[in-house]
Amino acid sequence: MCIASDSESPDFVFKKAYTRLNRVFTEKYGWPLFLSLTEQDAYNFEILRVPVNNSITEMDMLVLSLVKILIDSLNEKSISKRLTGNYEKLVGSISKIEAWLCESNIENYNEHIKFLRNLQELRSSGTGHRKGKGYQKITKKLDVKKENYAETFSCLLKDATNFLTFMELNIENLK
């Protein structure tokens, strides 16, 4: 029947949701939720995919890219301007978006913040530093499957997409 359809692969779904949320967010607030990647970092978005081989090297690279796209690119400065409480001591984009969601009385944001913190911990304990007890702990928490990194990373992408969808669904309720 040759009817074109969108891919259901988690990487394509994530990229589409990410782009859509940033566009909708910019239209609503006049600033993007995620800062544009620099020319030197743009490849992180382009290469994001479900792993094609079952190697820890590829998994580490993709986790690092996902963190750069999803957490490191959060528009911390603009989010901070939206906060009305005394949050000068807040450090990091995850804490700031958590405070914003809390101030806005958004329900059920905790699971998404937990996911972002776990993803950041996976990067910190796995890619950013030597793998030790912290890495073993977070891989158990995230159910990282050594035999199937493609499945594991697909789950991370699905959780990341769930966060993006959550933000888009709550865009009208953010103060």
C-alpha atoms as a PDB file:
ATOM      1  CA  MET A   1       0.000   0.000   0.000  1.00  0.00           C
ATOM      2  CA  CYS A   2       3.085   2.218   0.216  1.00  0.00           C
ATOM      3  CA  ILE A   3       1.734   4.475   2.955  1.00  0.00           C
ATOM      4  CA  ALA A   4       4.489   6.384   4.697  1.00  0.00           C
ATOM      5  CA  SER A   5       4.507   6.273   8.483  1.00  0.00           C
ATOM      6  CA  ASP A   6       6.690   7.542  11.267  1.00  0.00           C
ATOM      7  CA  SER A   7       9.266   5.170  12.665  1.00  0.00           C
ATOM      8  CA  GLU A   8       8.432   3.593  15.995  1.00  0.00           C
ATOM      9  CA  SER A   9      12.080   3.096  16.892  1.00  0.00           C
ATOM     10  CA  PRO A  10      12.774   4.674  20.310  1.00  0.00           C
ATOM     11  CA  ASP A  11      15.549   6.895  18.944  1.00  0.00           C
ATOM     12  CA  PHE A  12      13.325   8.409  16.246  1.00  0.00           C
ATOM     13  CA  VAL A  13      10.420   8.822  18.670  1.00  0.00           C
ATOM     14  CA  PHE A  14      12.741  10.566  21.153  1.00  0.00           C
ATOM     15  CA  LYS A  15      14.187  12.930  18.548  1.00  0.00           C
ATOM     16  CA  LYS A  16      10.733  13.856  17.266  1.00  0.00           C
ATOM     17  CA  ALA A  17       9.403  14.504  20.791  1.00  0.00           C
ATOM     18  CA  TYR A  18      12.515  16.510  21.721  1.00  0.00           C
ATOM     19  CA  THR A  19      12.270  18.736  18.651  1.00  0.00           C
ATOM     20  CA  ARG A  20       8.519  19.212  19.060  1.00  0.00           C
ATOM     21  CA  LEU A  21       8.777  20.089  22.773  1.00  0.00           C
ATOM     22  CA  ASN A  22      11.514  22.627  22.165  1.00  0.00           C
ATOM     23  CA  ARG A  23       9.481  24.246  19.368  1.00  0.00           C
ATOM     24  CA  VAL A  24       6.269  24.352  21.411  1.00  0.00           C
ATOM     25  CA  PHE A  25       8.149  25.612  24.456  1.00  0.00           C
ATOM     26  CA  THR A  26       9.773  28.415  22.469  1.00  0.00           C
ATOM     27  CA  GLU A  27       6.399  29.422  21.016  1.00  0.00           C
ATOM     28  CA  LYS A  28       4.825  29.495  24.496  1.00  0.00           C
ATOM     29  CA  TYR A  29       7.601  31.091  26.573  1.00  0.00           C
ATOM     30  CA  GLY A  30       9.900  32.757  24.069  1.00  0.00           C
ATOM     31  CA  TRP A  31      12.833  30.577  25.050  1.00  0.00           C
ATOM     32  CA  PRO A  32      13.705  26.931  24.412  1.00  0.00           C
ATOM     33  CA  LEU A  33      13.625  24.408  27.235  1.00  0.00           C
ATOM     34  CA  PHE A  34      16.794  22.902  25.761  1.00  0.00           C
ATOM     35  CA  LEU A  35      19.632  25.076  24.533  1.00  0.00           C
ATOM     36  CA  SER A  36      20.898  24.437  21.028  1.00  0.00           C
ATOM     37  CA  LEU A  37      23.926  22.210  20.911  1.00  0.00           C
ATOM     38  CA  THR A  38      27.145  23.890  19.843  1.00  0.00           C
ATOM     39  CA  GLU A  39      28.645  23.013  16.492  1.00  0.00           C
ATOM     40  CA  GLN A  40      31.130  20.766  18.308  1.00  0.00           C
ATOM     41  CA  ASP A  41      28.345  18.962  20.219  1.00  0.00           C
ATOM     42  CA  ALA A  42      25.673  18.713  17.495  1.00  0.00           C
ATOM     43  CA  TYR A  43      26.872  15.227  16.600  1.00  0.00           C
ATOM     44  CA  ASN A  44      25.443  13.973  19.923  1.00  0.00           C
ATOM     45  CA  PHE A  45      21.908  14.474  18.617  1.00  0.00           C
ATOM     46  CA  GLU A  46      22.744  13.118  15.171  1.00  0.00           C
ATOM     47  CA  ILE A  47      24.348   9.885  16.412  1.00  0.00           C
ATOM     48  CA  LEU A  48      21.742   9.104  19.053  1.00  0.00           C
ATOM     49  CA  ARG A  49      20.350   5.687  18.181  1.00  0.00           C
ATOM     50  CA  VAL A  50      19.581   2.283  19.559  1.00  0.00           C
ATOM     51  CA  PRO A  51      22.965   0.531  19.885  1.00  0.00           C
ATOM     52  CA  VAL A  52      23.866  -1.543  16.861  1.00  0.00           C
ATOM     53  CA  ASN A  53      26.404  -3.720  18.619  1.00  0.00           C
ATOM     54  CA  ASN A  54      26.424  -5.137  22.107  1.00  0.00           C
ATOM     55  CA  SER A  55      29.409  -3.257  23.491  1.00  0.00           C
ATOM     56  CA  ILE A  56      29.889  -1.254  26.652  1.00  0.00           C
ATOM     57  CA  THR A  57      31.842   1.268  24.571  1.00  0.00           C
ATOM     58  CA  GLU A  58      28.830   2.110  22.434  1.00  0.00           C
ATOM     59  CA  MET A  59      26.521   2.141  25.466  1.00  0.00           C
ATOM     60  CA  ASP A  60      28.823   4.587  27.299  1.00  0.00           C
ATOM     61  CA  MET A  61      29.022   6.863  24.251  1.00  0.00           C
ATOM     62  CA  LEU A  62      25.242   6.911  23.812  1.00  0.00           C
ATOM     63  CA  VAL A  63      24.567   7.558  27.518  1.00  0.00           C
ATOM     64  CA  LEU A  64      26.989  10.478  27.383  1.00  0.00           C
ATOM     65  CA  SER A  65      25.222  11.856  24.312  1.00  0.00           C
ATOM     66  CA  LEU A  66      21.784  11.463  25.878  1.00  0.00           C
ATOM     67  CA  VAL A  67      22.900  13.320  29.015  1.00  0.00           C
ATOM     68  CA  LYS A  68      24.362  16.163  26.948  1.00  0.00           C
ATOM     69  CA  ILE A  69      21.113  16.466  24.985  1.00  0.00           C
ATOM     70  CA  LEU A  70      18.629  16.015  27.803  1.00  0.00           C
ATOM     71  CA  ILE A  71      20.267  17.268  31.013  1.00  0.00           C
ATOM     72  CA  ASP A  72      23.297  19.393  30.143  1.00  0.00           C
ATOM     73  CA  SER A  73      21.247  21.315  27.560  1.00  0.00           C
ATOM     74  CA  LEU A  74      18.401  22.261  29.914  1.00  0.00           C
ATOM     75  CA  ASN A  75      18.043  26.049  29.808  1.00  0.00           C
ATOM     76  CA  GLU A  76      19.091  26.552  33.426  1.00  0.00           C
ATOM     77  CA  LYS A  77      19.308  30.330  33.219  1.00  0.00           C
ATOM     78  CA  SER A  78      15.772  30.777  31.872  1.00  0.00           C
ATOM     79  CA  ILE A  79      14.360  28.173  34.251  1.00  0.00           C
ATOM     80  CA  SER A  80      15.986  30.011  37.179  1.00  0.00           C
ATOM     81  CA  LYS A  81      14.282  33.247  36.139  1.00  0.00           C
ATOM     82  CA  ARG A  82      10.880  31.520  36.448  1.00  0.00           C
ATOM     83  CA  LEU A  83      11.513  30.490  40.057  1.00  0.00           C
ATOM     84  CA  THR A  84       9.894  32.735  42.650  1.00  0.00           C
ATOM     85  CA  GLY A  85      11.266  31.117  45.811  1.00  0.00           C
ATOM     86  CA  ASN A  86      14.687  31.435  47.421  1.00  0.00           C
ATOM     87  CA  TYR A  87      16.644  29.027  45.256  1.00  0.00           C
ATOM     88  CA  GLU A  88      20.057  30.710  44.967  1.00  0.00           C
ATOM     89  CA  LYS A  89      21.722  27.651  46.485  1.00  0.00           C
ATOM     90  CA  LEU A  90      20.251  25.218  43.958  1.00  0.00           C
ATOM     91  CA  VAL A  91      22.954  23.616  41.877  1.00  0.00           C
ATOM     92  CA  GLY A  92      22.352  21.932  38.568  1.00  0.00           C
ATOM     93  CA  SER A  93      19.671  21.859  35.945  1.00  0.00           C
ATOM     94  CA  ILE A  94      17.801  18.891  37.428  1.00  0.00           C
ATOM     95  CA  SER A  95      17.346  20.628  40.790  1.00  0.00           C
ATOM     96  CA  LYS A  96      16.154  23.782  39.075  1.00  0.00           C
ATOM     97  CA  ILE A  97      13.593  22.091  36.856  1.00  0.00           C
ATOM     98  CA  GLU A  98      12.427  20.093  39.883  1.00  0.00           C
ATOM     99  CA  ALA A  99      11.907  23.340  41.841  1.00  0.00           C
ATOM    100  CA  TRP A 100      10.012  24.841  38.891  1.00  0.00           C
ATOM    101  CA  LEU A 101       7.724  21.839  38.583  1.00  0.00           C
ATOM    102  CA  CYS A 102       7.125  21.903  42.339  1.00  0.00           C
ATOM    103  CA  GLU A 103       6.382  25.650  42.388  1.00  0.00           C
ATOM    104  CA  SER A 104       3.989  25.160  39.485  1.00  0.00           C
ATOM    105  CA  ASN A 105       2.126  22.468  41.457  1.00  0.00           C
ATOM    106  CA  ILE A 106       2.661  19.940  38.687  1.00  0.00           C
ATOM    107  CA  GLU A 107       1.651  16.477  39.832  1.00  0.00           C
ATOM    108  CA  ASN A 108       3.643  13.282  39.359  1.00  0.00           C
ATOM    109  CA  TYR A 109       6.911  14.950  38.382  1.00  0.00           C
ATOM    110  CA  ASN A 110       8.972  12.939  40.886  1.00  0.00           C
ATOM    111  CA  GLU A 111       9.314   9.867  38.665  1.00  0.00           C
ATOM    112  CA  HIS A 112      10.748  12.015  35.860  1.00  0.00           C
ATOM    113  CA  ILE A 113      13.184  13.810  38.158  1.00  0.00           C
ATOM    114  CA  LYS A 114      14.249  10.419  39.531  1.00  0.00           C
ATOM    115  CA  PHE A 115      14.869   9.221  35.972  1.00  0.00           C
ATOM    116  CA  LEU A 116      16.980  12.316  35.176  1.00  0.00           C
ATOM    117  CA  ARG A 117      19.028  11.868  38.366  1.00  0.00           C
ATOM    118  CA  ASN A 118      19.546   8.157  37.640  1.00  0.00           C
ATOM    119  CA  LEU A 119      20.606   8.922  34.072  1.00  0.00           C
ATOM    120  CA  GLN A 120      23.057  11.543  35.348  1.00  0.00           C
ATOM    121  CA  GLU A 121      24.397   9.044  37.880  1.00  0.00           C
ATOM    122  CA  LEU A 122      24.825   6.421  35.159  1.00  0.00           C
ATOM    123  CA  ARG A 123      26.887   8.906  33.161  1.00  0.00           C
ATOM    124  CA  SER A 124      28.906  10.029  36.179  1.00  0.00           C
ATOM    125  CA  SER A 125      29.650   6.589  37.548  1.00  0.00           C
ATOM    126  CA  GLY A 126      30.061   4.866  34.201  1.00  0.00           C
ATOM    127  CA  THR A 127      31.225   7.153  31.457  1.00  0.00           C
ATOM    128  CA  GLY A 128      32.654  10.082  33.395  1.00  0.00           C
ATOM    129  CA  HIS A 129      34.699   8.050  35.874  1.00  0.00           C
ATOM    130  CA  ARG A 130      36.066   4.586  36.516  1.00  0.00           C
ATOM    131  CA  LYS A 131      33.341   2.005  36.922  1.00  0.00           C
ATOM    132  CA  GLY A 132      33.093   0.915  40.541  1.00  0.00           C
ATOM    133  CA  LYS A 133      30.519   0.285  43.252  1.00  0.00           C
ATOM    134  CA  GLY A 134      28.488   3.362  42.254  1.00  0.00           C
ATOM    135  CA  TYR A 135      28.242   2.062  38.702  1.00  0.00           C
ATOM    136  CA  GLN A 136      27.178  -1.394  39.883  1.00  0.00           C
ATOM    137  CA  LYS A 137      24.486   0.187  42.086  1.00  0.00           C
ATOM    138  CA  ILE A 138      23.017   2.422  39.357  1.00  0.00           C
ATOM    139  CA  THR A 139      23.072  -0.335  36.726  1.00  0.00           C
ATOM    140  CA  LYS A 140      20.983  -2.487  39.060  1.00  0.00           C
ATOM    141  CA  LYS A 141      18.590   0.419  39.665  1.00  0.00           C
ATOM    142  CA  LEU A 142      18.223   1.026  35.906  1.00  0.00           C
ATOM    143  CA  ASP A 143      18.217  -2.690  35.083  1.00  0.00           C
ATOM    144  CA  VAL A 144      21.155  -2.400  32.681  1.00  0.00           C
ATOM    145  CA  LYS A 145      21.371  -5.682  30.820  1.00  0.00           C
ATOM    146  CA  LYS A 146      24.970  -6.562  29.948  1.00  0.00           C
ATOM    147  CA  GLU A 147      23.762  -9.119  27.460  1.00  0.00           C
ATOM    148  CA  ASN A 148      21.527  -6.613  25.691  1.00  0.00           C
ATOM    149  CA  TYR A 149      22.642  -2.985  25.682  1.00  0.00           C
ATOM    150  CA  ALA A 150      20.239  -2.236  22.811  1.00  0.00           C
ATOM    151  CA  GLU A 151      17.275  -3.165  25.004  1.00  0.00           C
ATOM    152  CA  THR A 152      18.680  -1.229  27.956  1.00  0.00           C
ATOM    153  CA  PHE A 153      19.302   1.930  25.945  1.00  0.00           C
ATOM    154  CA  SER A 154      15.901   1.623  24.266  1.00  0.00           C
ATOM    155  CA  CYS A 155      14.355   1.687  27.761  1.00  0.00           C
ATOM    156  CA  LEU A 156      16.387   4.800  28.621  1.00  0.00           C
ATOM    157  CA  LEU A 157      15.168   6.476  25.432  1.00  0.00           C
ATOM    158  CA  LYS A 158      11.566   5.544  26.228  1.00  0.00           C
ATOM    159  CA  ASP A 159      11.905   7.026  29.724  1.00  0.00           C
ATOM    160  CA  ALA A 160      13.483  10.148  28.232  1.00  0.00           C
ATOM    161  CA  THR A 161      10.589  10.421  25.769  1.00  0.00           C
ATOM    162  CA  ASN A 162       8.129   9.997  28.635  1.00  0.00           C
ATOM    163  CA  PHE A 163       9.787  12.974  30.348  1.00  0.00           C
ATOM    164  CA  LEU A 164       9.480  15.064  27.173  1.00  0.00           C
ATOM    165  CA  THR A 165       5.831  14.083  26.770  1.00  0.00           C
ATOM    166  CA  PHE A 166       5.185  14.902  30.436  1.00  0.00           C
ATOM    167  CA  MET A 167       6.694  18.363  29.972  1.00  0.00           C
ATOM    168  CA  GLU A 168       4.636  18.993  26.840  1.00  0.00           C
ATOM    169  CA  LEU A 169       1.422  17.862  28.522  1.00  0.00           C
ATOM    170  CA  ASN A 170       2.104  20.232  31.429  1.00  0.00           C
ATOM    171  CA  ILE A 171       3.350  23.212  29.426  1.00  0.00           C
ATOM    172  CA  GLU A 172       0.177  25.223  30.076  1.00  0.00           C
ATOM    173  CA  ASN A 173       0.433  24.675  33.839  1.00  0.00           C
ATOM    174  CA  LEU A 174       4.000  25.913  34.295  1.00  0.00           C
ATOM    175  CA  LYS A 175       4.183  29.232  36.097  1.00  0.00           C
END
